[in-house]
Amino acid sequence: MTVSFHCWRVFSALLHVYPAAFSSSPCCSQVGDPLSYHRESWMMEKDEKLQTVPVLHMQGNALVRQKQFREAASKYKEAVLLLKTVQSREMPGDVDYINLGRMIVPLELNYCQCMLELEEYYEVIEHTTELLEKHKDCVKGYYKRAKAHAAVWNEKEARRDFSTVAQLDISLAALVRRELKELSERMKEKYWEEKEQYWNMLEKTEAATLKLPGNGYLVVLV
């Protein structure tokens, strides 16, 4: 039995037994909730970690719907760490190792989306880059990294990632064209803003500078 099948079978059982645990209702955190007790990951056995991952995933999704992005990101990150801990005990290349890696992908992408919402762009770049080193055909990974690069004015990197998105999924070509057009407009606006700031600074400097007659020295008035 592979890890992927086992994990989601456990998740289905949990959903049937404890449906309230996956609700976004405030009553989910009430005293007595069978899933409210939080154990540290180092105390968990492998099966318990795998059972906890889908719970954290669903809790993160519920928090996203409430626009509590930082709290949601924490849930996704915790789930990723649990899966990586389990994966570290598997043999690289084995079925379970590969399946665990695939289970990490949507959690990492959800985490990065939260970071985009929170404008933590360098965090997005770091995590998507690590993800893409292992999953080179992850379209959403390239797209989120492109958005992060664009937000911090890394035009070359953003264009490269947007182009990769269109190459991997031709159905997204129109979206990529819109993103590239918007990027060009933003870069043009930034260019003129910086140019205006430069000339304003130069004018102020010239206005505060006097050249004394006969000695050739410049004196800056402060």
C-alpha atoms as a PDB file:
ATOM      1  CA  MET A   1       0.000   0.000   0.000  1.00  0.00           C
ATOM      2  CA  THR A   2       1.499   3.345  -0.979  1.00  0.00           C
ATOM      3  CA  VAL A   3       1.714   6.313   1.364  1.00  0.00           C
ATOM      4  CA  SER A   4      -0.570   8.436  -0.818  1.00  0.00           C
ATOM      5  CA  PHE A   5      -3.425   5.923  -0.736  1.00  0.00           C
ATOM      6  CA  HIS A   6      -2.960   5.229   2.965  1.00  0.00           C
ATOM      7  CA  CYS A   7      -2.925   8.920   3.896  1.00  0.00           C
ATOM      8  CA  TRP A   8      -6.084   9.819   2.029  1.00  0.00           C
ATOM      9  CA  ARG A   9      -7.866   6.718   3.269  1.00  0.00           C
ATOM     10  CA  VAL A  10      -7.124   7.883   6.811  1.00  0.00           C
ATOM     11  CA  PHE A  11      -8.292  11.386   5.906  1.00  0.00           C
ATOM     12  CA  SER A  12     -11.605  10.040   4.600  1.00  0.00           C
ATOM     13  CA  ALA A  13     -12.089   8.119   7.826  1.00  0.00           C
ATOM     14  CA  LEU A  14     -11.372  11.229   9.894  1.00  0.00           C
ATOM     15  CA  LEU A  15     -13.800  13.269   7.831  1.00  0.00           C
ATOM     16  CA  HIS A  16     -16.515  10.675   8.468  1.00  0.00           C
ATOM     17  CA  VAL A  17     -15.869  10.353  12.201  1.00  0.00           C
ATOM     18  CA  TYR A  18     -15.107  14.018  12.984  1.00  0.00           C
ATOM     19  CA  PRO A  19     -16.867  16.145  10.333  1.00  0.00           C
ATOM     20  CA  ALA A  20     -16.906  19.207  12.607  1.00  0.00           C
ATOM     21  CA  ALA A  21     -13.125  19.244  12.660  1.00  0.00           C
ATOM     22  CA  PHE A  22     -13.091  20.296   9.006  1.00  0.00           C
ATOM     23  CA  SER A  23     -15.695  23.009   9.329  1.00  0.00           C
ATOM     24  CA  SER A  24     -14.765  26.693   9.277  1.00  0.00           C
ATOM     25  CA  SER A  25     -17.204  27.289  12.138  1.00  0.00           C
ATOM     26  CA  PRO A  26     -15.745  28.878  15.302  1.00  0.00           C
ATOM     27  CA  CYS A  27     -17.049  25.906  17.287  1.00  0.00           C
ATOM     28  CA  CYS A  28     -14.203  23.832  15.838  1.00  0.00           C
ATOM     29  CA  SER A  29     -11.880  25.177  18.519  1.00  0.00           C
ATOM     30  CA  GLN A  30     -14.167  24.464  21.444  1.00  0.00           C
ATOM     31  CA  VAL A  31     -12.925  22.473  24.424  1.00  0.00           C
ATOM     32  CA  GLY A  32     -13.443  18.783  23.890  1.00  0.00           C
ATOM     33  CA  ASP A  33     -12.838  18.778  20.149  1.00  0.00           C
ATOM     34  CA  PRO A  34     -11.079  15.434  19.566  1.00  0.00           C
ATOM     35  CA  LEU A  35      -8.621  17.096  17.159  1.00  0.00           C
ATOM     36  CA  SER A  36      -7.935  20.211  19.236  1.00  0.00           C
ATOM     37  CA  TYR A  37      -5.094  18.592  21.188  1.00  0.00           C
ATOM     38  CA  HIS A  38      -1.856  19.382  19.402  1.00  0.00           C
ATOM     39  CA  ARG A  39       1.117  17.053  19.783  1.00  0.00           C
ATOM     40  CA  GLU A  40       4.616  18.109  18.883  1.00  0.00           C
ATOM     41  CA  SER A  41       5.785  16.480  15.661  1.00  0.00           C
ATOM     42  CA  TRP A  42       8.722  14.737  17.330  1.00  0.00           C
ATOM     43  CA  MET A  43       6.243  12.900  19.567  1.00  0.00           C
ATOM     44  CA  MET A  44       4.276  11.527  16.611  1.00  0.00           C
ATOM     45  CA  GLU A  45       4.648   8.164  14.959  1.00  0.00           C
ATOM     46  CA  LYS A  46       4.681   7.942  11.167  1.00  0.00           C
ATOM     47  CA  ASP A  47       0.979   7.087  10.852  1.00  0.00           C
ATOM     48  CA  GLU A  48      -0.002   9.905  13.199  1.00  0.00           C
ATOM     49  CA  LYS A  49       1.967  12.395  11.113  1.00  0.00           C
ATOM     50  CA  LEU A  50       0.243  11.205   7.955  1.00  0.00           C
ATOM     51  CA  GLN A  51      -3.144  11.486   9.651  1.00  0.00           C
ATOM     52  CA  THR A  52      -2.357  15.046  10.762  1.00  0.00           C
ATOM     53  CA  VAL A  53      -1.331  16.340   7.319  1.00  0.00           C
ATOM     54  CA  PRO A  54      -4.793  16.380   5.661  1.00  0.00           C
ATOM     55  CA  VAL A  55      -6.259  17.922   8.814  1.00  0.00           C
ATOM     56  CA  LEU A  56      -3.749  20.777   8.635  1.00  0.00           C
ATOM     57  CA  HIS A  57      -4.424  21.110   4.909  1.00  0.00           C
ATOM     58  CA  MET A  58      -8.154  21.524   5.458  1.00  0.00           C
ATOM     59  CA  GLN A  59      -7.608  23.936   8.344  1.00  0.00           C
ATOM     60  CA  GLY A  60      -5.326  26.013   6.133  1.00  0.00           C
ATOM     61  CA  ASN A  61      -7.942  26.114   3.380  1.00  0.00           C
ATOM     62  CA  ALA A  62     -10.580  27.259   5.869  1.00  0.00           C
ATOM     63  CA  LEU A  63      -8.295  30.059   7.075  1.00  0.00           C
ATOM     64  CA  VAL A  64      -7.652  31.166   3.488  1.00  0.00           C
ATOM     65  CA  ARG A  65     -11.392  31.484   2.918  1.00  0.00           C
ATOM     66  CA  GLN A  66     -11.427  33.766   5.964  1.00  0.00           C
ATOM     67  CA  LYS A  67      -8.467  35.701   4.476  1.00  0.00           C
ATOM     68  CA  GLN A  68      -6.305  34.808   7.462  1.00  0.00           C
ATOM     69  CA  PHE A  69      -3.317  34.198   5.230  1.00  0.00           C
ATOM     70  CA  ARG A  70      -0.542  34.180   7.819  1.00  0.00           C
ATOM     71  CA  GLU A  71      -2.360  31.660   9.990  1.00  0.00           C
ATOM     72  CA  ALA A  72      -3.134  29.547   6.919  1.00  0.00           C
ATOM     73  CA  ALA A  73       0.506  29.649   5.827  1.00  0.00           C
ATOM     74  CA  SER A  74       1.501  28.325   9.239  1.00  0.00           C
ATOM     75  CA  LYS A  75      -0.810  25.321   8.789  1.00  0.00           C
ATOM     76  CA  TYR A  76       0.536  24.532   5.327  1.00  0.00           C
ATOM     77  CA  LYS A  77       4.128  24.896   6.492  1.00  0.00           C
ATOM     78  CA  GLU A  78       3.546  22.566   9.427  1.00  0.00           C
ATOM     79  CA  ALA A  79       2.025  19.971   7.100  1.00  0.00           C
ATOM     80  CA  VAL A  80       5.015  20.230   4.746  1.00  0.00           C
ATOM     81  CA  LEU A  81       7.452  19.724   7.609  1.00  0.00           C
ATOM     82  CA  LEU A  82       5.582  16.610   8.738  1.00  0.00           C
ATOM     83  CA  LEU A  83       5.701  15.126   5.245  1.00  0.00           C
ATOM     84  CA  LYS A  84       9.377  15.964   4.838  1.00  0.00           C
ATOM     85  CA  THR A  85      10.119  14.276   8.149  1.00  0.00           C
ATOM     86  CA  VAL A  86       8.368  11.106   6.998  1.00  0.00           C
ATOM     87  CA  GLN A  87       9.988  11.323   3.566  1.00  0.00           C
ATOM     88  CA  SER A  88      13.462  11.603   5.089  1.00  0.00           C
ATOM     89  CA  ARG A  89      13.052   8.059   6.436  1.00  0.00           C
ATOM     90  CA  GLU A  90      12.165   6.617   3.031  1.00  0.00           C
ATOM     91  CA  MET A  91      14.573   5.458   0.365  1.00  0.00           C
ATOM     92  CA  PRO A  92      14.956   8.097  -2.387  1.00  0.00           C
ATOM     93  CA  GLY A  93      13.376   6.820  -5.577  1.00  0.00           C
ATOM     94  CA  ASP A  94      11.003   4.409  -3.842  1.00  0.00           C
ATOM     95  CA  VAL A  95       7.260   4.695  -4.479  1.00  0.00           C
ATOM     96  CA  ASP A  96       6.520   6.047  -0.999  1.00  0.00           C
ATOM     97  CA  TYR A  97       9.298   8.636  -1.296  1.00  0.00           C
ATOM     98  CA  ILE A  98       7.938   9.842  -4.647  1.00  0.00           C
ATOM     99  CA  ASN A  99       4.326   9.921  -3.436  1.00  0.00           C
ATOM    100  CA  LEU A 100       5.302  11.930  -0.367  1.00  0.00           C
ATOM    101  CA  GLY A 101       7.082  14.414  -2.619  1.00  0.00           C
ATOM    102  CA  ARG A 102       3.956  14.801  -4.710  1.00  0.00           C
ATOM    103  CA  MET A 103       1.855  15.375  -1.598  1.00  0.00           C
ATOM    104  CA  ILE A 104       4.189  18.207  -0.585  1.00  0.00           C
ATOM    105  CA  VAL A 105       3.664  20.134  -3.845  1.00  0.00           C
ATOM    106  CA  PRO A 106       0.095  21.478  -3.313  1.00  0.00           C
ATOM    107  CA  LEU A 107       0.906  22.392   0.278  1.00  0.00           C
ATOM    108  CA  GLU A 108       3.990  24.345  -0.811  1.00  0.00           C
ATOM    109  CA  LEU A 109       1.989  26.084  -3.538  1.00  0.00           C
ATOM    110  CA  ASN A 110      -0.726  27.036  -1.051  1.00  0.00           C
ATOM    111  CA  TYR A 111       1.935  28.362   1.316  1.00  0.00           C
ATOM    112  CA  CYS A 112       3.439  30.451  -1.490  1.00  0.00           C
ATOM    113  CA  GLN A 113       0.030  31.833  -2.439  1.00  0.00           C
ATOM    114  CA  CYS A 114      -0.423  32.999   1.147  1.00  0.00           C
ATOM    115  CA  MET A 115       3.002  34.640   1.018  1.00  0.00           C
ATOM    116  CA  LEU A 116       2.014  36.422  -2.204  1.00  0.00           C
ATOM    117  CA  GLU A 117      -1.089  37.746  -0.475  1.00  0.00           C
ATOM    118  CA  LEU A 118       1.107  38.925   2.411  1.00  0.00           C
ATOM    119  CA  GLU A 119       3.589  40.517  -0.036  1.00  0.00           C
ATOM    120  CA  GLU A 120       6.404  38.300   1.236  1.00  0.00           C
ATOM    121  CA  TYR A 121       7.830  38.059  -2.260  1.00  0.00           C
ATOM    122  CA  TYR A 122      11.355  36.883  -1.490  1.00  0.00           C
ATOM    123  CA  GLU A 123       9.906  34.070   0.606  1.00  0.00           C
ATOM    124  CA  VAL A 124       7.887  33.005  -2.443  1.00  0.00           C
ATOM    125  CA  ILE A 125      10.960  33.088  -4.671  1.00  0.00           C
ATOM    126  CA  GLU A 126      12.940  30.966  -2.227  1.00  0.00           C
ATOM    127  CA  HIS A 127      10.261  28.298  -1.775  1.00  0.00           C
ATOM    128  CA  THR A 128       9.209  28.053  -5.416  1.00  0.00           C
ATOM    129  CA  THR A 129      12.842  27.785  -6.510  1.00  0.00           C
ATOM    130  CA  GLU A 130      13.378  24.885  -4.120  1.00  0.00           C
ATOM    131  CA  LEU A 131      10.155  23.274  -5.344  1.00  0.00           C
ATOM    132  CA  LEU A 132      11.039  23.675  -9.020  1.00  0.00           C
ATOM    133  CA  GLU A 133      14.433  22.055  -8.521  1.00  0.00           C
ATOM    134  CA  LYS A 134      12.548  18.826  -7.772  1.00  0.00           C
ATOM    135  CA  HIS A 135       9.438  19.347  -9.920  1.00  0.00           C
ATOM    136  CA  LYS A 136      10.584  21.067 -13.100  1.00  0.00           C
ATOM    137  CA  ASP A 137       7.180  20.786 -14.792  1.00  0.00           C
ATOM    138  CA  CYS A 138       5.208  22.505 -12.011  1.00  0.00           C
ATOM    139  CA  VAL A 139       3.351  25.227 -13.920  1.00  0.00           C
ATOM    140  CA  LYS A 140       1.891  26.846 -10.812  1.00  0.00           C
ATOM    141  CA  GLY A 141       5.346  27.016  -9.272  1.00  0.00           C
ATOM    142  CA  TYR A 142       6.700  28.993 -12.234  1.00  0.00           C
ATOM    143  CA  TYR A 143       3.642  31.241 -12.253  1.00  0.00           C
ATOM    144  CA  LYS A 144       3.866  32.118  -8.565  1.00  0.00           C
ATOM    145  CA  ARG A 145       7.599  32.737  -8.827  1.00  0.00           C
ATOM    146  CA  ALA A 146       7.016  34.949 -11.862  1.00  0.00           C
ATOM    147  CA  LYS A 147       4.477  37.007  -9.903  1.00  0.00           C
ATOM    148  CA  ALA A 148       6.945  37.378  -7.038  1.00  0.00           C
ATOM    149  CA  HIS A 149       9.787  38.405  -9.365  1.00  0.00           C
ATOM    150  CA  ALA A 150       7.525  40.954 -11.052  1.00  0.00           C
ATOM    151  CA  ALA A 151       6.555  42.415  -7.686  1.00  0.00           C
ATOM    152  CA  VAL A 152      10.197  43.092  -6.766  1.00  0.00           C
ATOM    153  CA  TRP A 153      11.096  44.442 -10.236  1.00  0.00           C
ATOM    154  CA  ASN A 154      13.116  41.414 -11.384  1.00  0.00           C
ATOM    155  CA  GLU A 155      11.955  41.886 -14.959  1.00  0.00           C
ATOM    156  CA  LYS A 156      14.281  39.383 -16.637  1.00  0.00           C
ATOM    157  CA  GLU A 157      13.450  36.596 -14.187  1.00  0.00           C
ATOM    158  CA  ALA A 158       9.723  37.334 -14.314  1.00  0.00           C
ATOM    159  CA  ARG A 159       9.659  37.215 -18.116  1.00  0.00           C
ATOM    160  CA  ARG A 160      11.579  33.949 -18.117  1.00  0.00           C
ATOM    161  CA  ASP A 161       9.155  32.280 -15.704  1.00  0.00           C
ATOM    162  CA  PHE A 162       6.049  33.616 -17.447  1.00  0.00           C
ATOM    163  CA  SER A 163       7.402  32.286 -20.751  1.00  0.00           C
ATOM    164  CA  THR A 164       7.993  28.886 -19.155  1.00  0.00           C
ATOM    165  CA  VAL A 165       4.370  28.829 -17.988  1.00  0.00           C
ATOM    166  CA  ALA A 166       3.169  29.336 -21.572  1.00  0.00           C
ATOM    167  CA  GLN A 167       5.541  26.653 -22.854  1.00  0.00           C
ATOM    168  CA  LEU A 168       4.385  24.084 -20.311  1.00  0.00           C
ATOM    169  CA  ASP A 169       0.673  24.845 -20.683  1.00  0.00           C
ATOM    170  CA  ILE A 170      -0.363  26.419 -23.975  1.00  0.00           C
ATOM    171  CA  SER A 171      -3.876  27.020 -22.620  1.00  0.00           C
ATOM    172  CA  LEU A 172      -2.355  29.703 -20.367  1.00  0.00           C
ATOM    173  CA  ALA A 173      -0.788  31.622 -23.267  1.00  0.00           C
ATOM    174  CA  ALA A 174      -3.434  34.371 -23.146  1.00  0.00           C
ATOM    175  CA  LEU A 175      -2.946  34.801 -19.399  1.00  0.00           C
ATOM    176  CA  VAL A 176       0.812  35.036 -19.875  1.00  0.00           C
ATOM    177  CA  ARG A 177       0.400  37.693 -22.581  1.00  0.00           C
ATOM    178  CA  ARG A 178      -1.695  39.785 -20.188  1.00  0.00           C
ATOM    179  CA  GLU A 179       0.862  39.346 -17.415  1.00  0.00           C
ATOM    180  CA  LEU A 180       3.737  40.334 -19.709  1.00  0.00           C
ATOM    181  CA  LYS A 181       1.832  43.382 -20.944  1.00  0.00           C
ATOM    182  CA  GLU A 182       1.137  44.454 -17.374  1.00  0.00           C
ATOM    183  CA  LEU A 183       4.784  43.875 -16.476  1.00  0.00           C
ATOM    184  CA  SER A 184       5.943  46.067 -19.381  1.00  0.00           C
ATOM    185  CA  GLU A 185       3.591  48.852 -18.322  1.00  0.00           C
ATOM    186  CA  ARG A 186       4.763  48.675 -14.703  1.00  0.00           C
ATOM    187  CA  MET A 187       8.426  48.718 -15.731  1.00  0.00           C
ATOM    188  CA  LYS A 188       7.777  51.732 -17.983  1.00  0.00           C
ATOM    189  CA  GLU A 189       6.045  53.575 -15.142  1.00  0.00           C
ATOM    190  CA  LYS A 190       8.936  52.741 -12.823  1.00  0.00           C
ATOM    191  CA  TYR A 191      11.436  54.063 -15.375  1.00  0.00           C
ATOM    192  CA  TRP A 192       9.699  57.437 -15.670  1.00  0.00           C
ATOM    193  CA  GLU A 193       9.186  57.703 -11.910  1.00  0.00           C
ATOM    194  CA  GLU A 194      12.881  57.096 -11.284  1.00  0.00           C
ATOM    195  CA  LYS A 195      13.838  59.530 -14.032  1.00  0.00           C
ATOM    196  CA  GLU A 196      11.605  62.217 -12.532  1.00  0.00           C
ATOM    197  CA  GLN A 197      13.053  61.590  -9.076  1.00  0.00           C
ATOM    198  CA  TYR A 198      16.565  61.920 -10.501  1.00  0.00           C
ATOM    199  CA  TRP A 199      15.858  65.262 -12.184  1.00  0.00           C
ATOM    200  CA  ASN A 200      14.108  66.603  -9.089  1.00  0.00           C
ATOM    201  CA  MET A 201      17.112  65.653  -6.979  1.00  0.00           C
ATOM    202  CA  LEU A 202      19.483  67.225  -9.512  1.00  0.00           C
ATOM    203  CA  GLU A 203      17.508  70.480  -9.556  1.00  0.00           C
ATOM    204  CA  LYS A 204      17.552  70.666  -5.761  1.00  0.00           C
ATOM    205  CA  THR A 205      21.302  70.053  -5.722  1.00  0.00           C
ATOM    206  CA  GLU A 206      21.934  72.748  -8.321  1.00  0.00           C
ATOM    207  CA  ALA A 207      19.712  75.206  -6.451  1.00  0.00           C
ATOM    208  CA  ALA A 208      21.689  74.621  -3.257  1.00  0.00           C
ATOM    209  CA  THR A 209      25.072  74.977  -4.946  1.00  0.00           C
ATOM    210  CA  LEU A 210      26.857  78.269  -5.563  1.00  0.00           C
ATOM    211  CA  LYS A 211      30.029  78.776  -7.512  1.00  0.00           C
ATOM    212  CA  LEU A 212      32.143  81.454  -5.892  1.00  0.00           C
ATOM    213  CA  PRO A 213      33.652  83.928  -8.413  1.00  0.00           C
ATOM    214  CA  GLY A 214      37.374  83.767  -8.975  1.00  0.00           C
ATOM    215  CA  ASN A 215      38.246  80.565  -7.106  1.00  0.00           C
ATOM    216  CA  GLY A 216      36.452  77.804  -9.014  1.00  0.00           C
ATOM    217  CA  TYR A 217      35.290  76.018  -5.848  1.00  0.00           C
ATOM    218  CA  LEU A 218      31.770  74.805  -5.290  1.00  0.00           C
ATOM    219  CA  VAL A 219      30.096  75.509  -1.984  1.00  0.00           C
ATOM    220  CA  VAL A 220      26.980  73.534  -1.101  1.00  0.00           C
ATOM    221  CA  LEU A 221      24.536  75.382   1.122  1.00  0.00           C
ATOM    222  CA  VAL A 222      22.995  73.137   3.781  1.00  0.00           C
END
